[in-house]
N, C-alpha and C. Protein backbone atom coordinates (compact mmCIF):
# COMPACT_ATOMS: atom_id res chain seq x y z
N MET A 1 44.63 149.26 51.77
CA MET A 1 45.72 149.49 51.01
C MET A 1 44.98 150.40 50.04
N VAL A 2 45.85 151.27 49.21
CA VAL A 2 45.48 151.81 48.23
C VAL A 2 45.93 151.11 46.98
N HIS A 3 45.28 150.66 46.59
CA HIS A 3 45.55 150.01 45.01
C HIS A 3 46.17 150.90 43.82
N TYR A 4 47.35 151.15 43.46
CA TYR A 4 47.78 151.91 42.61
C TYR A 4 47.05 151.57 41.59
N ARG A 5 46.93 152.08 40.18
CA ARG A 5 46.62 151.67 38.95
C ARG A 5 47.49 152.33 37.38
N ARG A 6 47.94 151.87 37.25
CA ARG A 6 49.20 151.62 36.19
C ARG A 6 48.46 151.65 34.72
N ASN A 7 49.01 152.69 33.69
CA ASN A 7 48.41 152.61 32.69
C ASN A 7 49.39 151.81 31.89
N PHE A 8 49.51 150.58 31.25
CA PHE A 8 50.11 149.85 30.87
C PHE A 8 49.54 149.97 28.98
N VAL A 9 50.10 150.59 28.74
CA VAL A 9 49.75 150.56 27.24
C VAL A 9 51.49 149.92 26.75
N PRO A 10 50.94 149.06 25.70
CA PRO A 10 52.15 148.54 24.99
C PRO A 10 52.66 149.20 23.81
N GLY A 11 54.25 149.06 23.78
CA GLY A 11 54.51 150.37 22.76
C GLY A 11 54.69 151.97 23.33
N GLY A 12 53.79 152.20 24.17
CA GLY A 12 53.69 153.68 24.97
C GLY A 12 54.79 154.02 25.10
N THR A 13 54.99 155.50 25.68
CA THR A 13 55.83 156.44 25.91
C THR A 13 55.48 156.95 27.25
N PHE A 14 56.23 157.06 27.95
CA PHE A 14 56.13 157.23 29.50
C PHE A 14 56.97 158.20 29.73
N PHE A 15 56.67 159.04 31.00
CA PHE A 15 57.44 160.06 31.67
C PHE A 15 57.54 158.90 33.29
N PHE A 16 58.99 159.07 33.35
CA PHE A 16 58.78 158.86 35.35
C PHE A 16 59.75 159.96 35.71
N THR A 17 58.82 159.83 37.30
CA THR A 17 59.81 159.80 38.42
C THR A 17 59.89 159.01 39.28
N VAL A 18 61.12 159.03 39.15
CA VAL A 18 62.10 157.96 40.33
C VAL A 18 62.97 158.39 41.58
N THR A 19 62.42 158.31 42.44
CA THR A 19 63.45 158.76 43.36
C THR A 19 64.03 158.09 44.93
N LEU A 20 65.11 158.33 45.16
CA LEU A 20 65.68 157.84 46.35
C LEU A 20 64.92 157.88 47.53
N ASP A 21 65.10 156.71 48.35
CA ASP A 21 64.58 156.78 49.60
C ASP A 21 64.69 157.87 50.19
N ASP A 22 65.84 158.14 50.96
CA ASP A 22 67.30 159.66 51.46
C ASP A 22 66.70 160.55 50.03
N ARG A 23 65.62 161.64 50.46
CA ARG A 23 65.80 163.02 49.70
C ARG A 23 67.34 163.85 50.10
N ARG A 24 67.94 163.17 50.84
CA ARG A 24 68.85 164.03 51.14
C ARG A 24 70.35 163.78 50.75
N SER A 25 70.16 162.31 50.09
CA SER A 25 71.59 161.60 49.57
C SER A 25 71.86 162.45 48.06
N SER A 26 72.34 162.42 47.53
CA SER A 26 73.60 162.39 46.93
C SER A 26 73.71 161.32 45.71
N ALA A 27 73.41 160.13 45.90
CA ALA A 27 74.15 159.08 45.42
C ALA A 27 73.79 158.84 43.79
N LEU A 28 72.70 159.32 43.12
CA LEU A 28 72.64 159.10 41.98
C LEU A 28 73.80 159.80 41.03
N ILE A 29 74.06 161.50 41.45
CA ILE A 29 75.16 161.80 40.92
C ILE A 29 76.37 161.40 41.28
N ASP A 30 76.75 160.75 42.53
CA ASP A 30 77.69 160.30 42.88
C ASP A 30 78.49 159.00 41.95
N HIS A 31 77.34 158.69 41.85
CA HIS A 31 77.54 157.29 41.29
C HIS A 31 76.98 157.22 39.78
N VAL A 32 77.00 158.37 39.45
CA VAL A 32 75.79 158.72 37.51
C VAL A 32 76.70 157.76 36.90
N VAL A 33 77.74 157.21 36.67
CA VAL A 33 78.81 156.09 35.60
C VAL A 33 78.29 155.10 36.07
N LEU A 34 77.92 154.35 37.56
CA LEU A 34 77.06 153.39 37.82
C LEU A 34 75.80 153.19 37.31
N LEU A 35 75.06 154.33 37.37
CA LEU A 35 73.34 154.42 37.10
C LEU A 35 73.07 154.30 35.38
N ARG A 36 74.15 154.95 34.43
CA ARG A 36 74.32 154.76 33.57
C ARG A 36 74.39 153.45 32.84
N ALA A 37 75.75 152.75 33.61
CA ALA A 37 75.80 151.27 33.56
C ALA A 37 74.53 150.53 33.75
N ALA A 38 73.92 150.41 34.66
CA ALA A 38 72.55 150.13 34.58
C ALA A 38 71.75 150.13 34.03
N PHE A 39 71.74 151.59 33.31
CA PHE A 39 70.20 151.80 32.20
C PHE A 39 70.67 150.70 31.03
N ARG A 40 71.80 150.88 30.55
CA ARG A 40 72.39 149.70 29.55
C ARG A 40 72.42 148.75 29.83
N LYS A 41 72.73 148.25 31.25
CA LYS A 41 72.16 146.76 31.18
C LYS A 41 71.11 146.23 31.16
N VAL A 42 70.17 147.40 31.58
CA VAL A 42 69.19 146.89 31.17
C VAL A 42 67.91 147.42 30.05
N ARG A 43 68.72 148.07 29.32
CA ARG A 43 68.37 148.47 27.74
C ARG A 43 68.51 147.00 27.30
N ASN A 44 69.68 146.28 27.34
CA ASN A 44 70.09 144.87 26.35
C ASN A 44 69.20 143.62 27.44
N GLU A 45 68.87 144.08 28.34
CA GLU A 45 67.98 143.14 28.38
C GLU A 45 66.76 142.70 27.60
N ARG A 46 65.93 143.99 28.15
CA ARG A 46 64.70 144.32 28.07
C ARG A 46 64.42 145.99 27.26
N PRO A 47 64.62 145.98 26.09
CA PRO A 47 64.74 146.85 25.23
C PRO A 47 63.95 148.12 25.15
N PHE A 48 64.07 149.47 25.42
CA PHE A 48 63.63 150.43 25.92
C PHE A 48 63.78 151.79 25.09
N VAL A 49 63.83 152.67 24.65
CA VAL A 49 64.17 153.87 24.11
C VAL A 49 64.01 154.81 25.24
N THR A 50 65.41 155.95 25.93
CA THR A 50 65.51 156.86 26.51
C THR A 50 65.38 158.35 25.72
N GLU A 51 64.09 158.54 25.53
CA GLU A 51 63.59 159.82 24.93
C GLU A 51 64.06 161.00 25.49
N ALA A 52 64.32 160.94 26.82
CA ALA A 52 64.67 162.22 27.96
C ALA A 52 65.15 161.94 29.25
N VAL A 53 66.27 162.33 29.71
CA VAL A 53 66.12 161.94 31.02
C VAL A 53 67.28 163.38 31.50
N VAL A 54 66.70 163.34 32.96
CA VAL A 54 67.84 164.51 33.71
C VAL A 54 67.87 163.51 34.62
N ILE A 55 69.34 163.62 35.53
CA ILE A 55 69.88 162.89 36.75
C ILE A 55 70.01 164.01 37.71
N LEU A 56 69.30 164.12 38.71
CA LEU A 56 69.55 164.85 39.84
C LEU A 56 70.11 163.78 40.98
N PRO A 57 70.34 164.82 42.20
CA PRO A 57 71.02 164.12 43.24
C PRO A 57 70.37 163.22 44.00
N ASP A 58 69.42 163.16 44.05
CA ASP A 58 68.32 162.80 44.87
C ASP A 58 67.18 161.78 44.05
N HIS A 59 66.78 162.11 42.88
CA HIS A 59 65.79 161.49 41.97
C HIS A 59 66.09 161.85 40.60
N LEU A 60 65.39 160.83 39.72
CA LEU A 60 65.44 161.08 38.45
C LEU A 60 64.06 161.48 37.56
N HIS A 61 64.28 162.37 36.16
CA HIS A 61 63.20 162.15 35.64
C HIS A 61 63.42 161.26 34.04
N ALA A 62 62.94 160.34 33.53
CA ALA A 62 62.87 160.15 31.99
C ALA A 62 61.48 159.63 31.35
N ILE A 63 61.79 159.66 30.18
CA ILE A 63 60.56 159.31 29.26
C ILE A 63 61.13 158.41 28.58
N LEU A 64 60.72 157.44 28.82
CA LEU A 64 61.23 156.29 28.56
C LEU A 64 59.84 155.80 26.88
N THR A 65 60.56 154.65 25.52
CA THR A 65 59.70 154.17 24.93
C THR A 65 59.52 152.93 24.93
N LEU A 66 58.71 152.17 25.27
CA LEU A 66 58.52 150.48 25.17
C LEU A 66 58.79 150.44 23.55
N PRO A 67 59.08 148.86 23.56
CA PRO A 67 58.99 148.37 22.36
C PRO A 67 57.32 147.62 21.82
N PRO A 68 57.11 147.91 20.23
CA PRO A 68 55.50 147.64 20.34
C PRO A 68 55.13 146.05 20.82
N GLY A 69 53.86 145.85 21.47
CA GLY A 69 53.63 144.69 22.24
C GLY A 69 53.88 144.75 23.96
N ASP A 70 54.75 145.50 23.95
CA ASP A 70 55.17 145.66 25.70
C ASP A 70 55.66 146.46 26.36
N SER A 71 54.73 146.34 27.70
CA SER A 71 54.44 147.32 28.65
C SER A 71 54.75 147.47 29.49
N ASP A 72 55.82 146.10 29.85
CA ASP A 72 56.03 146.04 31.27
C ASP A 72 57.47 146.99 31.64
N PHE A 73 57.18 148.81 32.27
CA PHE A 73 58.03 149.40 32.52
C PHE A 73 58.44 149.30 34.07
N SER A 74 57.01 148.50 34.52
CA SER A 74 57.66 148.37 35.74
C SER A 74 59.08 147.35 36.02
N ASP A 75 58.89 146.10 35.66
CA ASP A 75 59.70 145.35 35.42
C ASP A 75 61.19 146.13 35.10
N ARG A 76 61.39 147.02 34.48
CA ARG A 76 63.10 147.69 33.79
C ARG A 76 63.19 148.37 34.73
N TRP A 77 62.36 149.26 35.38
CA TRP A 77 62.67 150.19 36.65
C TRP A 77 63.02 149.34 38.27
N ARG A 78 62.16 148.22 38.27
CA ARG A 78 63.04 146.92 38.72
C ARG A 78 64.33 146.75 38.62
N ARG A 79 64.65 146.34 37.29
CA ARG A 79 65.98 145.77 37.18
C ARG A 79 66.69 147.27 37.07
N ILE A 80 66.78 148.35 37.00
CA ILE A 80 67.46 149.61 37.09
C ILE A 80 67.98 149.53 38.25
N LYS A 81 66.97 149.59 39.20
CA LYS A 81 66.83 149.89 40.38
C LYS A 81 68.25 148.77 41.46
N GLY A 82 67.76 147.84 41.00
CA GLY A 82 68.62 146.66 41.31
C GLY A 82 70.24 146.57 41.10
N SER A 83 70.00 146.78 39.66
CA SER A 83 71.44 146.82 39.36
C SER A 83 72.18 148.07 40.30
N PHE A 84 71.70 149.20 40.03
CA PHE A 84 72.62 150.52 40.27
C PHE A 84 72.80 150.14 41.80
N THR A 85 72.07 149.51 42.84
CA THR A 85 71.64 149.01 43.76
C THR A 85 73.43 148.41 44.46
N ARG A 86 73.12 147.24 43.63
CA ARG A 86 74.37 145.99 43.68
C ARG A 86 75.97 146.60 43.34
N SER A 87 75.61 147.99 42.38
CA SER A 87 76.60 148.56 41.66
C SER A 87 77.46 149.37 42.54
N VAL A 88 76.54 150.09 43.45
CA VAL A 88 77.02 151.14 44.56
C VAL A 88 77.14 149.69 45.90
N ILE A 89 76.51 149.12 46.29
CA ILE A 89 76.90 148.40 46.96
C ILE A 89 78.81 147.86 46.89
N ALA A 90 78.85 147.58 45.69
CA ALA A 90 80.16 147.24 45.48
C ALA A 90 81.23 147.93 45.30
N THR A 91 81.05 148.76 45.80
CA THR A 91 81.95 149.97 45.98
C THR A 91 82.32 150.09 47.00
N GLY A 92 81.87 149.66 48.26
CA GLY A 92 81.75 149.99 49.55
C GLY A 92 80.74 151.21 50.16
N ALA A 93 80.00 151.52 49.34
CA ALA A 93 79.22 153.06 49.86
C ALA A 93 78.48 152.03 50.89
N GLN A 94 77.73 152.53 52.38
CA GLN A 94 76.57 152.31 52.90
C GLN A 94 75.23 152.57 52.41
N VAL A 95 74.78 151.32 52.44
CA VAL A 95 73.17 151.02 51.72
C VAL A 95 72.37 151.10 53.16
N SER A 96 71.55 151.38 53.33
CA SER A 96 70.74 151.04 54.67
C SER A 96 69.92 150.20 54.43
N ARG A 97 68.97 149.53 55.49
CA ARG A 97 68.23 148.30 55.02
C ARG A 97 67.07 148.75 55.79
N ASP A 98 65.90 148.10 55.06
CA ASP A 98 64.54 148.42 56.17
C ASP A 98 64.50 147.73 56.99
N HIS A 99 62.76 147.28 57.74
CA HIS A 99 62.96 146.19 59.04
C HIS A 99 62.47 145.14 58.72
N ARG A 100 62.92 144.62 56.94
CA ARG A 100 62.46 143.48 56.33
C ARG A 100 64.18 142.88 55.87
N GLY A 101 65.27 143.84 56.33
CA GLY A 101 66.26 143.93 55.73
C GLY A 101 66.69 143.57 54.65
N GLU A 102 65.97 144.66 53.90
CA GLU A 102 66.27 144.70 52.64
C GLU A 102 66.49 146.03 52.13
N TYR A 103 67.71 146.39 51.30
CA TYR A 103 68.31 147.58 51.05
C TYR A 103 66.78 148.84 50.49
N SER A 104 67.13 149.70 51.03
CA SER A 104 66.11 150.69 50.73
C SER A 104 67.10 151.97 50.29
N LEU A 105 68.11 152.04 48.96
CA LEU A 105 68.24 153.21 48.99
C LEU A 105 67.06 153.74 47.89
N TRP A 106 66.38 153.08 46.80
CA TRP A 106 65.30 153.87 46.15
C TRP A 106 64.18 153.74 46.93
N GLN A 107 63.07 154.71 46.95
CA GLN A 107 61.50 154.55 47.87
C GLN A 107 60.83 153.53 46.70
N LYS A 108 60.57 152.66 46.76
CA LYS A 108 59.64 151.44 46.41
C LYS A 108 58.99 151.91 45.30
N ARG A 109 58.43 152.60 45.13
CA ARG A 109 57.28 152.98 44.17
C ARG A 109 58.51 153.99 42.97
N PHE A 110 57.48 154.87 41.64
CA PHE A 110 57.96 155.62 40.91
C PHE A 110 57.03 156.55 40.72
N TRP A 111 56.51 157.14 40.17
CA TRP A 111 55.70 157.57 39.52
C TRP A 111 55.48 157.93 37.97
N GLU A 112 54.78 157.57 37.12
CA GLU A 112 54.71 157.43 36.07
C GLU A 112 53.22 158.27 35.50
N HIS A 113 53.44 158.81 33.96
CA HIS A 113 52.25 159.31 32.82
C HIS A 113 52.51 158.56 32.20
N THR A 114 51.35 158.46 31.26
CA THR A 114 51.72 157.87 29.69
C THR A 114 51.18 159.46 29.14
N ILE A 115 52.15 159.47 28.24
CA ILE A 115 52.54 160.47 27.09
C ILE A 115 51.62 160.29 26.21
N ARG A 116 50.23 161.32 26.09
CA ARG A 116 49.34 161.38 25.24
C ARG A 116 49.96 161.62 23.92
N ASP A 117 50.41 162.26 23.67
CA ASP A 117 50.53 163.18 22.19
C ASP A 117 51.39 163.94 22.19
N GLU A 118 51.96 164.44 20.61
CA GLU A 118 53.43 165.22 20.68
C GLU A 118 53.23 166.60 21.80
N ARG A 119 52.53 167.52 21.72
CA ARG A 119 52.51 168.06 22.48
C ARG A 119 52.92 167.63 24.14
N ASP A 120 52.15 166.75 24.36
CA ASP A 120 52.22 166.43 26.15
C ASP A 120 54.01 165.86 26.12
N PHE A 121 54.33 165.64 24.69
CA PHE A 121 55.93 164.60 25.11
C PHE A 121 56.84 166.07 25.22
N GLU A 122 56.54 166.98 24.15
CA GLU A 122 57.20 168.46 24.61
C GLU A 122 57.12 168.85 25.90
N ARG A 123 56.03 168.85 26.53
CA ARG A 123 55.78 169.59 28.25
C ARG A 123 56.48 168.96 28.61
N CYS A 124 56.71 167.24 28.74
CA CYS A 124 57.17 166.52 30.01
C CYS A 124 58.72 166.64 29.44
N ALA A 125 59.02 166.58 27.98
CA ALA A 125 60.34 167.20 27.90
C ALA A 125 61.38 168.20 28.27
N ASP A 126 60.27 169.25 28.11
CA ASP A 126 60.85 170.44 28.91
C ASP A 126 60.78 170.45 30.56
N TYR A 127 59.60 169.38 30.92
CA TYR A 127 60.20 169.54 32.41
C TYR A 127 61.16 168.39 32.87
N VAL A 128 61.80 167.81 32.09
CA VAL A 128 62.56 167.10 32.32
C VAL A 128 63.69 167.70 32.32
N HIS A 129 64.18 168.39 31.06
CA HIS A 129 65.30 169.68 30.92
C HIS A 129 65.76 170.73 31.72
N PHE A 130 64.17 171.13 32.23
CA PHE A 130 64.36 172.50 32.79
C PHE A 130 64.27 172.21 34.53
N ASN A 131 64.17 171.01 34.56
CA ASN A 131 64.41 170.55 36.50
C ASN A 131 65.51 170.70 37.15
N PRO A 132 67.02 170.89 36.89
CA PRO A 132 67.96 171.13 37.35
C PRO A 132 67.44 172.93 37.85
N VAL A 133 66.53 173.82 37.02
CA VAL A 133 66.73 175.06 37.25
C VAL A 133 65.87 175.14 38.32
N LYS A 134 64.63 174.48 38.61
CA LYS A 134 64.00 174.24 39.46
C LYS A 134 64.17 174.10 40.81
N HIS A 135 65.32 172.76 40.94
CA HIS A 135 65.61 172.49 42.01
C HIS A 135 67.17 173.28 42.38
N GLN A 136 67.54 174.20 41.70
CA GLN A 136 68.56 175.59 41.91
C GLN A 136 69.96 174.85 42.08
N LEU A 137 69.91 173.81 40.90
CA LEU A 137 71.39 173.11 41.11
C LEU A 137 72.11 173.78 39.74
N ALA A 138 71.38 174.55 39.00
CA ALA A 138 72.06 175.39 37.94
C ALA A 138 71.48 176.69 37.57
N ALA A 139 72.10 177.69 36.93
CA ALA A 139 71.48 178.43 36.70
C ALA A 139 70.57 178.20 35.18
N SER A 140 71.27 177.65 34.46
CA SER A 140 70.71 177.13 32.97
C SER A 140 70.82 175.71 32.84
N PRO A 141 69.66 175.49 32.12
CA PRO A 141 69.05 174.23 31.84
C PRO A 141 71.10 173.09 31.38
N SER A 142 71.55 174.14 30.46
CA SER A 142 72.84 173.40 30.17
C SER A 142 74.19 173.58 30.81
N ASP A 143 73.51 174.09 31.67
CA ASP A 143 74.79 174.16 32.99
C ASP A 143 74.78 172.66 33.38
N TRP A 144 73.47 171.91 33.60
CA TRP A 144 73.63 170.67 34.30
C TRP A 144 74.40 169.70 33.07
N PRO A 145 74.78 168.38 33.64
CA PRO A 145 75.65 167.74 32.73
C PRO A 145 75.19 166.26 32.92
N PHE A 146 73.86 166.30 33.71
CA PHE A 146 73.69 164.78 33.37
C PHE A 146 72.07 165.29 33.32
N SER A 147 72.04 165.35 31.78
CA SER A 147 70.39 165.58 31.00
C SER A 147 70.54 165.39 29.07
N SER A 148 69.30 164.82 29.33
CA SER A 148 69.80 164.94 27.69
C SER A 148 69.60 166.10 26.78
N LEU A 149 69.34 167.10 27.40
CA LEU A 149 69.59 168.55 26.89
C LEU A 149 70.69 168.55 25.82
N HIS A 150 71.77 167.96 26.54
CA HIS A 150 72.94 168.54 25.60
C HIS A 150 72.62 167.27 24.54
N ARG A 151 71.88 166.10 24.18
CA ARG A 151 71.78 165.49 23.25
C ARG A 151 71.17 165.88 22.27
N TYR A 152 69.95 166.80 22.98
CA TYR A 152 68.76 167.24 21.84
C TYR A 152 69.42 168.69 21.20
N VAL A 153 70.47 169.84 21.96
CA VAL A 153 71.39 170.50 21.42
C VAL A 153 71.92 170.14 20.35
N ARG A 154 73.00 169.09 20.24
CA ARG A 154 73.55 167.94 19.22
C ARG A 154 73.07 167.70 18.06
N ALA A 155 71.65 167.35 18.66
CA ALA A 155 70.88 167.43 17.47
C ALA A 155 70.10 168.15 16.43
N GLY A 156 70.27 169.58 17.07
CA GLY A 156 69.73 170.51 16.55
C GLY A 156 67.69 170.51 16.99
N ILE A 157 67.53 170.02 17.93
CA ILE A 157 66.10 170.04 18.54
C ILE A 157 65.67 171.29 19.43
N LEU A 158 66.93 171.70 20.23
CA LEU A 158 67.10 172.93 20.98
C LEU A 158 67.94 173.86 20.72
N PRO A 159 67.90 174.50 20.96
CA PRO A 159 69.27 175.70 20.72
C PRO A 159 70.30 175.59 22.06
N PRO A 160 71.48 175.88 21.87
CA PRO A 160 71.90 175.53 23.15
C PRO A 160 72.20 176.75 24.23
N ASP A 161 71.32 177.50 24.38
CA ASP A 161 70.50 178.67 25.16
C ASP A 161 69.23 178.38 25.88
N TRP A 162 68.24 176.49 25.34
CA TRP A 162 67.17 176.81 25.84
C TRP A 162 66.72 177.09 27.49
N GLY A 163 66.12 177.58 27.41
CA GLY A 163 65.58 177.84 28.83
C GLY A 163 66.12 178.57 30.05
N GLY A 164 67.39 179.11 28.98
CA GLY A 164 68.43 180.11 29.72
C GLY A 164 67.79 181.52 30.59
N ASP A 165 66.23 181.82 29.41
CA ASP A 165 66.30 182.57 30.36
C ASP A 165 64.85 182.64 31.51
N GLY A 166 65.06 181.39 31.03
CA GLY A 166 63.62 181.19 32.79
C GLY A 166 62.36 181.08 32.22
N SER A 167 62.12 180.93 30.60
CA SER A 167 61.25 180.78 29.26
C SER A 167 60.79 179.37 29.72
N ALA A 168 61.11 178.71 29.86
CA ALA A 168 60.50 177.49 29.89
C ALA A 168 59.21 177.05 30.87
N ASP A 169 58.07 176.05 30.30
CA ASP A 169 56.93 176.04 30.93
C ASP A 169 57.55 174.93 32.49
N THR A 170 57.41 175.60 33.17
CA THR A 170 57.94 174.78 34.40
C THR A 170 56.93 174.30 35.60
N SER A 171 55.94 173.81 34.83
CA SER A 171 54.78 173.34 35.78
C SER A 171 54.80 172.42 36.60
N ASN A 172 54.24 172.25 37.81
CA ASN A 172 54.90 171.11 38.83
C ASN A 172 54.78 169.87 38.31
N PHE A 173 54.49 169.52 37.16
CA PHE A 173 53.93 168.10 36.76
C PHE A 173 55.14 167.37 36.86
N GLY A 174 54.71 165.98 37.63
CA GLY A 174 55.67 165.32 37.71
C GLY A 174 55.91 165.03 39.32
N GLU A 175 55.76 165.89 39.86
CA GLU A 175 56.39 166.05 41.24
C GLU A 175 55.68 166.28 42.54
N ARG A 176 55.45 165.93 43.84
CA ARG A 176 54.67 166.37 44.76
C ARG A 176 55.63 167.36 45.21
N LYS A 177 55.01 168.59 45.99
CA LYS A 177 55.24 169.38 46.53
C LYS A 177 55.52 168.88 48.27
N ASP A 178 56.95 169.30 48.06
CA ASP A 178 57.46 168.71 49.81
C ASP A 178 56.98 169.41 50.88
């Protein structure tokens, strides 16, 4: 078995890709209110700052910063996934189970990258915000409602038409090619 090594940096900032088990599912946007509630619940239990996020039908990308002295992002994702799964099940939605009888809404693992510096942060945030265009879900990043891009625009960090001309850095950072 391959043992994946994670880079646990106390107080670090990390880019994540978290994916549903069924890549054809739209559960994340179908139940986006429940996903947001799961984030809030876990953030209240185990603080973190959501620096950037985009919710797509079958996966999400997020940049999170942990408190000083805390490097346990894995527990936060376990809690977010679990809270969301329980909430979706409570709606009566059918969620499949794996061979052990455990719910299999999410892929077991997630992909993470430690943000190294401001340039790396900007590159990752641009990737997060441009992702709906990359996946042909929107013509412009500002057209996608489930994105922190709108918060960046309100704060004056990015212009309202950011990425609308396709000029954003859209390298394949953060995702496997299927």
